[in-house]
Amino acid sequence: MEKTKPTATTAILVTLLACVAGFGVLMAYFADKYQNERNTLQAEIKELKGTSATVTDTSDWKTYTSKELGFTFKYPKIWALDVESVDDGIVYLLTEERQKQLDNDEKVSVFDVMFQKYDSIKGLPNNSKDEMPLSEWVNDNYSAVKTATVNGINGYTGTAKESAGTTSYVVFVQKGTAVYQLEASDVTELGETHQAIFDSFEFL
């Protein structure tokens, strides 16, 4: 029995099928490559967004300077500055909302941001007898302690539970014999405004 010879039409169909199959493989390859590159790009964008610092415009902020305490800082013009305790080395900043809460006798912290100067390491709470070094004292009194830098001077950050049940974020730094405390109430980390206030702090 004679074998049927493949016709030209059959050959063309086989060729077309092979081309279609090859084209499908190529499309799958490039689709996979595109998806991988897209995922990589999205990851890089997400990383850049996470690491990029947001710059807060402080051009219209007020400035407080105390030669007695040896520092200066800027704060939003709609915030209130409380210097009634400046003789004790303390300066408070309050938002409008905080002022309303206090006016209504609500049980809240008396400040949003506090700056305090201790004349010596002995002046820190419960440290007059032990005179622990700053690093040891901070680790003994605060949680999540990390190193920080204020005006080129190494210091420490930490968080603490307050009597009202809230949490405060603090920064401690020692300059000479004096110790300086920067504190933000009711937060575990600094938001944009708090960060801008802290960043504006400078020693005279």
N, C-alpha and C. Protein backbone atom coordinates (compact mmCIF):
# COMPACT_ATOMS: atom_id res chain seq x y z
N MET A 1 0.85 -1.19 0.00
CA MET A 1 0.00 0.00 0.00
C MET A 1 0.88 1.23 0.00
N GLU A 2 0.57 2.16 -0.91
CA GLU A 2 1.42 3.35 -1.00
C GLU A 2 1.12 4.33 0.13
N LYS A 3 2.23 4.89 0.65
CA LYS A 3 2.08 5.92 1.68
C LYS A 3 1.68 7.23 1.01
N THR A 4 0.76 7.94 1.71
CA THR A 4 0.31 9.22 1.17
C THR A 4 1.37 10.29 1.43
N LYS A 5 1.76 10.92 0.38
CA LYS A 5 2.75 11.97 0.53
C LYS A 5 2.11 13.23 1.10
N PRO A 6 2.82 13.88 2.06
CA PRO A 6 2.26 15.12 2.64
C PRO A 6 2.11 16.17 1.55
N THR A 7 0.96 16.77 1.55
CA THR A 7 0.70 17.81 0.56
C THR A 7 1.29 19.12 1.02
N ALA A 8 1.32 20.10 0.12
CA ALA A 8 1.84 21.43 0.45
C ALA A 8 1.00 22.08 1.53
N THR A 9 -0.31 21.80 1.49
CA THR A 9 -1.22 22.40 2.49
C THR A 9 -0.91 21.88 3.88
N THR A 10 -0.65 20.58 3.98
CA THR A 10 -0.30 19.98 5.28
C THR A 10 0.98 20.58 5.83
N ALA A 11 1.96 20.74 4.94
CA ALA A 11 3.23 21.31 5.36
C ALA A 11 3.04 22.73 5.88
N ILE A 12 2.18 23.47 5.21
CA ILE A 12 1.93 24.85 5.63
C ILE A 12 1.26 24.88 6.98
N LEU A 13 0.27 23.97 7.19
CA LEU A 13 -0.44 23.91 8.46
C LEU A 13 0.51 23.56 9.62
N VAL A 14 1.38 22.59 9.37
CA VAL A 14 2.37 22.19 10.38
C VAL A 14 3.27 23.36 10.73
N THR A 15 3.68 24.08 9.70
CA THR A 15 4.56 25.24 9.92
C THR A 15 3.84 26.32 10.73
N LEU A 16 2.56 26.54 10.37
CA LEU A 16 1.77 27.54 11.09
C LEU A 16 1.58 27.16 12.55
N LEU A 17 1.28 25.89 12.79
CA LEU A 17 1.10 25.42 14.16
C LEU A 17 2.39 25.59 14.98
N ALA A 18 3.51 25.29 14.33
CA ALA A 18 4.80 25.44 15.00
C ALA A 18 5.07 26.91 15.33
N CYS A 19 4.69 27.78 14.40
CA CYS A 19 4.88 29.23 14.63
C CYS A 19 4.01 29.72 15.78
N VAL A 20 2.75 29.24 15.78
CA VAL A 20 1.82 29.64 16.86
C VAL A 20 2.34 29.17 18.21
N ALA A 21 2.81 27.92 18.25
CA ALA A 21 3.34 27.37 19.51
C ALA A 21 4.57 28.17 19.96
N GLY A 22 5.44 28.48 19.01
CA GLY A 22 6.62 29.26 19.34
C GLY A 22 6.28 30.65 19.83
N PHE A 23 5.27 31.24 19.13
CA PHE A 23 4.82 32.57 19.53
C PHE A 23 4.25 32.55 20.94
N GLY A 24 3.50 31.49 21.28
CA GLY A 24 2.93 31.36 22.62
C GLY A 24 4.01 31.26 23.68
N VAL A 25 5.05 30.50 23.39
CA VAL A 25 6.17 30.37 24.33
C VAL A 25 6.86 31.72 24.54
N LEU A 26 7.07 32.44 23.41
CA LEU A 26 7.69 33.76 23.51
C LEU A 26 6.84 34.72 24.33
N MET A 27 5.54 34.73 24.10
CA MET A 27 4.64 35.61 24.84
C MET A 27 4.66 35.29 26.34
N ALA A 28 4.68 34.01 26.66
CA ALA A 28 4.72 33.60 28.07
C ALA A 28 6.02 34.06 28.72
N TYR A 29 7.12 33.93 27.95
CA TYR A 29 8.43 34.34 28.47
C TYR A 29 8.46 35.84 28.76
N PHE A 30 8.01 36.64 27.78
CA PHE A 30 8.05 38.08 27.95
C PHE A 30 7.04 38.58 29.00
N ALA A 31 5.91 37.89 29.11
CA ALA A 31 4.92 38.27 30.13
C ALA A 31 5.49 38.03 31.52
N ASP A 32 6.17 36.90 31.69
CA ASP A 32 6.79 36.59 32.97
C ASP A 32 7.90 37.58 33.30
N LYS A 33 8.68 37.91 32.27
CA LYS A 33 9.77 38.86 32.46
C LYS A 33 9.24 40.23 32.83
N TYR A 34 8.16 40.66 32.16
CA TYR A 34 7.54 41.96 32.45
C TYR A 34 7.02 42.00 33.88
N GLN A 35 6.37 40.90 34.31
CA GLN A 35 5.81 40.87 35.66
C GLN A 35 6.90 40.94 36.71
N ASN A 36 8.00 40.23 36.47
CA ASN A 36 9.12 40.26 37.42
C ASN A 36 9.72 41.66 37.52
N GLU A 37 9.90 42.32 36.36
CA GLU A 37 10.45 43.67 36.36
C GLU A 37 9.50 44.65 37.03
N ARG A 38 8.18 44.45 36.80
CA ARG A 38 7.17 45.31 37.41
C ARG A 38 7.18 45.16 38.93
N ASN A 39 7.28 43.92 39.41
CA ASN A 39 7.33 43.67 40.85
C ASN A 39 8.57 44.29 41.47
N THR A 40 9.69 44.17 40.77
CA THR A 40 10.95 44.75 41.28
C THR A 40 10.84 46.26 41.37
N LEU A 41 10.28 46.88 40.34
CA LEU A 41 10.12 48.34 40.32
C LEU A 41 9.19 48.80 41.44
N GLN A 42 8.09 48.10 41.64
CA GLN A 42 7.15 48.46 42.70
C GLN A 42 7.80 48.35 44.07
N ALA A 43 8.63 47.32 44.26
CA ALA A 43 9.32 47.14 45.53
C ALA A 43 10.31 48.28 45.78
N GLU A 44 11.00 48.70 44.71
CA GLU A 44 11.96 49.80 44.84
C GLU A 44 11.25 51.12 45.16
N ILE A 45 10.09 51.34 44.52
CA ILE A 45 9.32 52.55 44.78
C ILE A 45 8.82 52.56 46.22
N LYS A 46 8.34 51.41 46.69
CA LYS A 46 7.86 51.30 48.07
C LYS A 46 8.97 51.57 49.06
N GLU A 47 10.17 51.05 48.76
CA GLU A 47 11.32 51.26 49.64
C GLU A 47 11.71 52.73 49.68
N LEU A 48 11.69 53.37 48.52
CA LEU A 48 12.03 54.79 48.45
C LEU A 48 11.02 55.63 49.21
N LYS A 49 9.74 55.29 49.12
CA LYS A 49 8.72 56.02 49.86
C LYS A 49 8.91 55.86 51.35
N GLY A 50 9.34 54.66 51.76
CA GLY A 50 9.51 54.41 53.17
C GLY A 50 10.72 55.11 53.76
N THR A 51 11.75 55.33 52.94
CA THR A 51 12.97 55.92 53.47
C THR A 51 13.08 57.41 53.22
N SER A 52 12.26 57.94 52.32
CA SER A 52 12.36 59.36 52.03
C SER A 52 11.76 60.18 53.17
N ALA A 53 12.47 61.19 53.59
CA ALA A 53 12.02 62.02 54.69
C ALA A 53 11.05 63.09 54.19
N THR A 54 9.96 63.27 54.93
CA THR A 54 9.02 64.31 54.60
C THR A 54 9.49 65.63 55.21
N VAL A 55 9.61 66.64 54.39
CA VAL A 55 10.09 67.93 54.87
C VAL A 55 8.89 68.80 55.24
N THR A 56 8.85 69.23 56.50
CA THR A 56 7.77 70.09 56.98
C THR A 56 8.19 71.55 56.84
N ASP A 57 7.32 72.34 56.26
CA ASP A 57 7.61 73.76 56.08
C ASP A 57 7.49 74.48 57.43
N THR A 58 8.59 74.99 57.92
CA THR A 58 8.60 75.69 59.21
C THR A 58 8.88 77.19 59.05
N SER A 59 8.72 77.69 57.82
CA SER A 59 9.07 79.08 57.54
C SER A 59 8.21 80.08 58.33
N ASP A 60 6.97 79.69 58.66
CA ASP A 60 6.11 80.61 59.39
C ASP A 60 5.99 80.24 60.87
N TRP A 61 6.86 79.36 61.34
CA TRP A 61 6.83 78.96 62.75
C TRP A 61 7.47 80.03 63.64
N LYS A 62 7.12 79.99 64.90
CA LYS A 62 7.73 80.88 65.88
C LYS A 62 9.02 80.25 66.42
N THR A 63 9.86 81.07 67.00
CA THR A 63 11.12 80.60 67.57
C THR A 63 11.21 80.98 69.04
N TYR A 64 11.58 80.02 69.87
CA TYR A 64 11.80 80.30 71.29
C TYR A 64 13.28 80.10 71.57
N THR A 65 13.86 81.05 72.29
CA THR A 65 15.27 80.97 72.65
C THR A 65 15.43 81.31 74.13
N SER A 66 16.18 80.49 74.84
CA SER A 66 16.45 80.74 76.26
C SER A 66 17.95 80.65 76.51
N LYS A 67 18.56 81.81 76.80
CA LYS A 67 19.98 81.80 77.13
C LYS A 67 20.22 81.09 78.45
N GLU A 68 19.24 81.21 79.36
CA GLU A 68 19.36 80.57 80.66
C GLU A 68 19.41 79.04 80.53
N LEU A 69 18.54 78.50 79.70
CA LEU A 69 18.51 77.04 79.52
C LEU A 69 19.50 76.58 78.46
N GLY A 70 19.94 77.50 77.62
CA GLY A 70 20.98 77.16 76.65
C GLY A 70 20.51 76.47 75.39
N PHE A 71 19.25 76.73 75.00
CA PHE A 71 18.78 76.12 73.75
C PHE A 71 17.73 76.98 73.08
N THR A 72 17.45 76.63 71.83
CA THR A 72 16.42 77.30 71.03
C THR A 72 15.69 76.25 70.21
N PHE A 73 14.45 76.54 69.85
CA PHE A 73 13.69 75.63 69.00
C PHE A 73 12.57 76.40 68.31
N LYS A 74 11.97 75.78 67.28
CA LYS A 74 10.86 76.38 66.56
C LYS A 74 9.60 75.56 66.83
N TYR A 75 8.45 76.22 66.70
CA TYR A 75 7.19 75.52 66.94
C TYR A 75 6.08 76.19 66.13
N PRO A 76 5.01 75.43 65.79
CA PRO A 76 3.92 75.98 64.99
C PRO A 76 3.29 77.20 65.68
N LYS A 77 2.95 78.19 64.89
CA LYS A 77 2.44 79.43 65.47
C LYS A 77 1.08 79.27 66.14
N ILE A 78 0.35 78.20 65.79
CA ILE A 78 -0.94 77.98 66.43
C ILE A 78 -0.82 77.19 67.73
N TRP A 79 0.39 76.72 68.04
CA TRP A 79 0.62 76.04 69.31
C TRP A 79 0.87 77.08 70.40
N ALA A 80 0.59 76.70 71.65
CA ALA A 80 0.82 77.60 72.78
C ALA A 80 2.15 77.28 73.44
N LEU A 81 2.87 78.32 73.83
CA LEU A 81 4.14 78.18 74.53
C LEU A 81 3.91 78.48 76.01
N ASP A 82 4.27 77.56 76.88
CA ASP A 82 4.11 77.71 78.32
C ASP A 82 5.49 77.76 78.97
N VAL A 83 5.85 78.93 79.50
CA VAL A 83 7.17 79.10 80.13
C VAL A 83 7.04 79.38 81.63
N GLU A 84 5.90 79.03 82.21
CA GLU A 84 5.69 79.28 83.63
C GLU A 84 6.67 78.50 84.51
N SER A 85 7.17 77.37 83.99
CA SER A 85 8.10 76.55 84.77
C SER A 85 9.54 76.69 84.29
N VAL A 86 9.82 77.78 83.58
CA VAL A 86 11.17 77.95 83.04
C VAL A 86 12.23 78.03 84.13
N ASP A 87 11.85 78.54 85.31
CA ASP A 87 12.81 78.61 86.43
C ASP A 87 13.20 77.21 86.91
N ASP A 88 12.36 76.23 86.59
CA ASP A 88 12.67 74.83 86.94
C ASP A 88 13.31 74.10 85.76
N GLY A 89 13.63 74.88 84.72
CA GLY A 89 14.29 74.30 83.56
C GLY A 89 13.35 73.64 82.58
N ILE A 90 12.05 73.99 82.63
CA ILE A 90 11.05 73.31 81.80
C ILE A 90 10.30 74.30 80.91
N VAL A 91 10.09 73.90 79.65
CA VAL A 91 9.29 74.67 78.70
C VAL A 91 8.31 73.70 78.05
N TYR A 92 7.04 74.09 77.99
CA TYR A 92 6.00 73.25 77.42
C TYR A 92 5.47 73.83 76.11
N LEU A 93 5.01 72.94 75.23
CA LEU A 93 4.28 73.31 74.02
C LEU A 93 2.95 72.56 74.03
N LEU A 94 1.87 73.28 73.68
CA LEU A 94 0.55 72.67 73.68
C LEU A 94 -0.19 72.97 72.38
N THR A 95 -0.85 71.95 71.84
CA THR A 95 -1.70 72.16 70.67
C THR A 95 -3.01 72.80 71.12
N GLU A 96 -3.79 73.28 70.17
CA GLU A 96 -5.10 73.85 70.50
C GLU A 96 -6.00 72.80 71.15
N GLU A 97 -5.94 71.58 70.64
CA GLU A 97 -6.75 70.50 71.19
C GLU A 97 -6.38 70.22 72.63
N ARG A 98 -5.08 70.22 72.93
CA ARG A 98 -4.62 69.98 74.30
C ARG A 98 -5.11 71.08 75.24
N GLN A 99 -5.07 72.31 74.77
CA GLN A 99 -5.54 73.42 75.59
C GLN A 99 -7.02 73.28 75.93
N LYS A 100 -7.82 72.86 74.93
CA LYS A 100 -9.25 72.67 75.16
C LYS A 100 -9.50 71.55 76.17
N GLN A 101 -8.73 70.48 76.05
CA GLN A 101 -8.88 69.36 76.99
C GLN A 101 -8.57 69.79 78.42
N LEU A 102 -7.52 70.56 78.57
CA LEU A 102 -7.14 71.03 79.91
C LEU A 102 -8.16 72.03 80.45
N ASP A 103 -8.69 72.87 79.56
CA ASP A 103 -9.71 73.83 79.98
C ASP A 103 -10.98 73.11 80.45
N ASN A 104 -11.23 71.93 79.90
CA ASN A 104 -12.40 71.14 80.28
C ASN A 104 -12.09 70.18 81.43
N ASP A 105 -10.91 70.37 82.03
CA ASP A 105 -10.48 69.54 83.18
C ASP A 105 -10.41 68.05 82.85
N GLU A 106 -10.10 67.73 81.59
CA GLU A 106 -9.92 66.33 81.22
C GLU A 106 -8.59 65.82 81.76
N LYS A 107 -8.57 64.53 82.06
CA LYS A 107 -7.36 63.92 82.62
C LYS A 107 -6.40 63.55 81.48
N VAL A 108 -5.65 64.52 81.07
CA VAL A 108 -4.68 64.33 79.99
C VAL A 108 -3.34 64.91 80.42
N SER A 109 -2.32 64.62 79.64
CA SER A 109 -1.01 65.21 79.90
C SER A 109 -1.09 66.73 79.77
N VAL A 110 -0.28 67.44 80.54
CA VAL A 110 -0.33 68.91 80.53
C VAL A 110 0.46 69.51 79.37
N PHE A 111 1.00 68.67 78.50
CA PHE A 111 1.77 69.20 77.37
C PHE A 111 1.74 68.22 76.20
N ASP A 112 2.09 68.75 75.03
CA ASP A 112 2.31 67.90 73.85
C ASP A 112 3.80 67.67 73.63
N VAL A 113 4.58 68.71 73.87
CA VAL A 113 6.04 68.61 73.78
C VAL A 113 6.64 69.32 74.98
N MET A 114 7.68 68.72 75.54
CA MET A 114 8.36 69.33 76.68
C MET A 114 9.87 69.33 76.45
N PHE A 115 10.49 70.44 76.85
CA PHE A 115 11.95 70.54 76.86
C PHE A 115 12.36 70.80 78.31
N GLN A 116 13.31 70.01 78.79
CA GLN A 116 13.73 70.20 80.18
C GLN A 116 15.25 70.07 80.30
N LYS A 117 15.80 70.93 81.13
CA LYS A 117 17.24 70.90 81.40
C LYS A 117 17.48 70.51 82.85
N TYR A 118 18.33 69.50 83.04
CA TYR A 118 18.80 69.10 84.36
C TYR A 118 20.24 69.59 84.48
N ASP A 119 20.54 70.26 85.56
CA ASP A 119 21.88 70.84 85.70
C ASP A 119 22.97 69.79 85.78
N SER A 120 22.62 68.60 86.25
CA SER A 120 23.61 67.53 86.34
C SER A 120 22.92 66.18 86.27
N ILE A 121 23.69 65.13 86.14
CA ILE A 121 23.16 63.78 86.07
C ILE A 121 22.43 63.42 87.36
N LYS A 122 22.82 64.05 88.47
CA LYS A 122 22.17 63.80 89.76
C LYS A 122 20.75 64.36 89.79
N GLY A 123 20.46 65.29 88.91
CA GLY A 123 19.15 65.92 88.89
C GLY A 123 18.07 65.05 88.27
N LEU A 124 18.47 63.98 87.59
CA LEU A 124 17.48 63.09 86.99
C LEU A 124 16.67 62.40 88.09
N PRO A 125 15.40 62.14 87.85
CA PRO A 125 14.56 61.50 88.87
C PRO A 125 15.16 60.21 89.41
N ASN A 126 15.16 60.11 90.73
CA ASN A 126 15.65 58.90 91.42
C ASN A 126 17.10 58.57 91.10
N ASN A 127 17.90 59.61 90.87
CA ASN A 127 19.31 59.36 90.54
C ASN A 127 20.26 60.16 91.43
N SER A 128 19.72 60.83 92.43
CA SER A 128 20.57 61.67 93.28
C SER A 128 21.56 60.85 94.10
N LYS A 129 21.17 59.63 94.46
CA LYS A 129 22.06 58.78 95.27
C LYS A 129 22.93 57.88 94.40
N ASP A 130 22.28 57.23 93.43
CA ASP A 130 23.02 56.26 92.60
C ASP A 130 23.96 56.93 91.62
N GLU A 131 23.56 58.09 91.11
CA GLU A 131 24.34 58.81 90.09
C GLU A 131 24.74 57.87 88.95
N MET A 132 23.74 57.17 88.41
CA MET A 132 24.01 56.27 87.28
C MET A 132 24.37 57.07 86.04
N PRO A 133 25.24 56.55 85.21
CA PRO A 133 25.53 57.21 83.93
C PRO A 133 24.23 57.33 83.13
N LEU A 134 24.18 58.27 82.21
CA LEU A 134 22.96 58.52 81.45
C LEU A 134 22.47 57.27 80.74
N SER A 135 23.34 56.54 80.08
CA SER A 135 22.93 55.35 79.33
C SER A 135 22.28 54.33 80.25
N GLU A 136 22.87 54.13 81.42
CA GLU A 136 22.33 53.15 82.37
C GLU A 136 21.00 53.62 82.94
N TRP A 137 20.90 54.93 83.24
CA TRP A 137 19.66 55.47 83.81
C TRP A 137 18.51 55.38 82.81
N VAL A 138 18.77 55.73 81.54
CA VAL A 138 17.72 55.66 80.52
C VAL A 138 17.25 54.23 80.34
N ASN A 139 18.17 53.29 80.25
CA ASN A 139 17.79 51.88 80.08
C ASN A 139 17.02 51.35 81.28
N ASP A 140 17.28 51.92 82.44
CA ASP A 140 16.62 51.48 83.67
C ASP A 140 15.20 52.04 83.79
N ASN A 141 14.93 53.16 83.11
CA ASN A 141 13.64 53.84 83.28
C ASN A 141 12.75 53.86 82.04
N TYR A 142 13.28 53.46 80.89
CA TYR A 142 12.50 53.55 79.65
C TYR A 142 12.60 52.26 78.85
N SER A 143 11.64 52.11 77.93
CA SER A 143 11.60 50.93 77.07
C SER A 143 12.03 51.31 75.65
N ALA A 144 12.32 50.28 74.86
CA ALA A 144 12.68 50.47 73.44
C ALA A 144 13.77 51.52 73.28
N VAL A 145 14.80 51.45 74.11
CA VAL A 145 15.88 52.45 74.09
C VAL A 145 16.76 52.27 72.87
N LYS A 146 17.04 53.39 72.19
CA LYS A 146 17.92 53.39 71.03
C LYS A 146 18.87 54.59 71.14
N THR A 147 19.96 54.53 70.40
CA THR A 147 20.87 55.67 70.37
C THR A 147 20.32 56.74 69.44
N ALA A 148 20.67 57.97 69.71
CA ALA A 148 20.21 59.10 68.90
C ALA A 148 21.29 60.18 68.92
N THR A 149 21.15 61.14 68.03
CA THR A 149 22.11 62.24 67.97
C THR A 149 21.35 63.57 67.97
N VAL A 150 21.75 64.47 68.85
CA VAL A 150 21.16 65.80 68.93
C VAL A 150 22.26 66.84 68.77
N ASN A 151 22.21 67.58 67.69
CA ASN A 151 23.26 68.57 67.40
C ASN A 151 24.65 67.97 67.45
N GLY A 152 24.80 66.77 66.92
CA GLY A 152 26.09 66.11 66.87
C GLY A 152 26.52 65.46 68.16
N ILE A 153 25.66 65.47 69.19
CA ILE A 153 25.97 64.85 70.47
C ILE A 153 25.16 63.58 70.61
N ASN A 154 25.81 62.49 70.96
CA ASN A 154 25.13 61.21 71.09
C ASN A 154 24.22 61.19 72.31
N GLY A 155 23.05 60.62 72.13
CA GLY A 155 22.10 60.52 73.22
C GLY A 155 21.26 59.26 73.07
N TYR A 156 20.07 59.28 73.67
CA TYR A 156 19.23 58.09 73.67
C TYR A 156 17.74 58.45 73.51
N THR A 157 17.00 57.57 72.85
CA THR A 157 15.55 57.71 72.77
C THR A 157 14.92 56.53 73.50
N GLY A 158 13.67 56.72 73.91
CA GLY A 158 12.97 55.64 74.59
C GLY A 158 11.50 55.98 74.73
N THR A 159 10.72 55.04 75.22
CA THR A 159 9.30 55.29 75.47
C THR A 159 8.97 54.90 76.89
N ALA A 160 7.92 55.50 77.44
CA ALA A 160 7.53 55.22 78.81
C ALA A 160 6.03 55.34 78.97
N LYS A 161 5.46 54.51 79.84
CA LYS A 161 4.06 54.59 80.19
C LYS A 161 3.87 55.66 81.26
N GLU A 162 2.91 56.54 81.02
CA GLU A 162 2.63 57.60 81.98
C GLU A 162 1.51 57.17 82.93
N SER A 163 1.34 57.93 84.00
CA SER A 163 0.33 57.59 85.02
C SER A 163 -1.09 57.61 84.45
N ALA A 164 -1.30 58.42 83.42
CA ALA A 164 -2.63 58.51 82.80
C ALA A 164 -2.88 57.36 81.82
N GLY A 165 -1.91 56.46 81.69
CA GLY A 165 -2.07 55.33 80.79
C GLY A 165 -1.57 55.60 79.39
N THR A 166 -1.09 56.80 79.13
CA THR A 166 -0.57 57.14 77.81
C THR A 166 0.91 56.80 77.71
N THR A 167 1.45 56.92 76.53
CA THR A 167 2.87 56.63 76.30
C THR A 167 3.57 57.89 75.80
N SER A 168 4.76 58.12 76.27
CA SER A 168 5.52 59.28 75.83
C SER A 168 6.81 58.83 75.14
N TYR A 169 7.26 59.65 74.22
CA TYR A 169 8.50 59.41 73.49
C TYR A 169 9.52 60.43 73.98
N VAL A 170 10.68 59.97 74.39
CA VAL A 170 11.66 60.89 74.98
C VAL A 170 13.02 60.78 74.29
N VAL A 171 13.76 61.87 74.38
CA VAL A 171 15.14 61.91 73.92
C VAL A 171 15.97 62.52 75.05
N PHE A 172 17.07 61.88 75.41
CA PHE A 172 17.97 62.41 76.42
C PHE A 172 19.35 62.59 75.81
N VAL A 173 19.97 63.71 76.13
CA VAL A 173 21.33 63.96 75.66
C VAL A 173 22.07 64.76 76.72
N GLN A 174 23.34 64.44 76.90
CA GLN A 174 24.16 65.13 77.90
C GLN A 174 25.16 66.04 77.22
N LYS A 175 25.14 67.31 77.63
CA LYS A 175 26.08 68.30 77.08
C LYS A 175 26.82 68.92 78.26
N GLY A 176 28.09 68.61 78.34
CA GLY A 176 28.84 69.04 79.52
C GLY A 176 28.32 68.27 80.72
N THR A 177 28.04 68.99 81.80
CA THR A 177 27.48 68.34 82.98
C THR A 177 25.95 68.29 82.94
N ALA A 178 25.33 69.09 82.07
CA ALA A 178 23.87 69.17 82.01
C ALA A 178 23.27 68.06 81.14
N VAL A 179 22.05 67.68 81.50
CA VAL A 179 21.30 66.68 80.74
C VAL A 179 20.03 67.35 80.21
N TYR A 180 19.73 67.12 78.94
CA TYR A 180 18.56 67.73 78.31
C TYR A 180 17.57 66.63 77.92
N GLN A 181 16.31 66.92 78.18
CA GLN A 181 15.24 65.98 77.85
C GLN A 181 14.26 66.63 76.88
N LEU A 182 13.98 65.93 75.77
CA LEU A 182 12.97 66.34 74.80
C LEU A 182 11.89 65.26 74.84
N GLU A 183 10.66 65.64 75.08
CA GLU A 183 9.60 64.64 75.25
C GLU A 183 8.35 65.01 74.47
N ALA A 184 7.77 64.02 73.82
CA ALA A 184 6.49 64.17 73.12
C ALA A 184 5.48 63.27 73.81
N SER A 185 4.36 63.85 74.23
CA SER A 185 3.37 63.10 74.98
C SER A 185 2.39 62.37 74.06
N ASP A 186 1.91 61.23 74.54
CA ASP A 186 0.86 60.45 73.85
C ASP A 186 1.30 59.88 72.52
N VAL A 187 2.56 59.66 72.32
CA VAL A 187 3.04 59.05 71.07
C VAL A 187 4.14 58.05 71.39
N THR A 188 4.26 57.04 70.54
CA THR A 188 5.36 56.08 70.68
C THR A 188 6.45 56.35 69.66
N GLU A 189 6.13 57.17 68.66
CA GLU A 189 7.13 57.61 67.69
C GLU A 189 6.70 58.99 67.20
N LEU A 190 7.65 59.72 66.67
CA LEU A 190 7.38 61.09 66.27
C LEU A 190 6.68 61.19 64.93
N GLY A 191 5.61 62.01 64.89
CA GLY A 191 4.97 62.34 63.63
C GLY A 191 5.73 63.47 62.96
N GLU A 192 5.22 63.95 61.83
CA GLU A 192 5.92 64.97 61.06
C GLU A 192 6.15 66.25 61.87
N THR A 193 5.10 66.74 62.55
CA THR A 193 5.22 68.00 63.28
C THR A 193 6.14 67.85 64.47
N HIS A 194 5.96 66.77 65.23
CA HIS A 194 6.85 66.53 66.38
C HIS A 194 8.31 66.42 65.92
N GLN A 195 8.51 65.69 64.83
CA GLN A 195 9.87 65.50 64.32
C GLN A 195 10.48 66.83 63.92
N ALA A 196 9.69 67.69 63.28
CA ALA A 196 10.20 68.99 62.86
C ALA A 196 10.56 69.86 64.07
N ILE A 197 9.77 69.78 65.12
CA ILE A 197 10.08 70.53 66.35
C ILE A 197 11.37 70.02 66.96
N PHE A 198 11.49 68.70 67.08
CA PHE A 198 12.70 68.12 67.66
C PHE A 198 13.93 68.46 66.81
N ASP A 199 13.75 68.40 65.49
CA ASP A 199 14.88 68.69 64.59
C ASP A 199 15.33 70.15 64.69
N SER A 200 14.40 71.04 65.07
CA SER A 200 14.74 72.45 65.15
C SER A 200 15.49 72.80 66.44
N PHE A 201 15.49 71.87 67.39
CA PHE A 201 16.16 72.10 68.67
C PHE A 201 17.67 72.25 68.47
N GLU A 202 18.22 73.31 69.02
CA GLU A 202 19.66 73.54 68.92
C GLU A 202 20.20 74.10 70.24
N PHE A 203 21.43 73.74 70.54
CA PHE A 203 22.11 74.32 71.69
C PHE A 203 22.70 75.67 71.30
N LEU A 204 22.70 76.58 72.24
CA LEU A 204 23.27 77.90 71.98
C LEU A 204 24.77 77.89 72.15
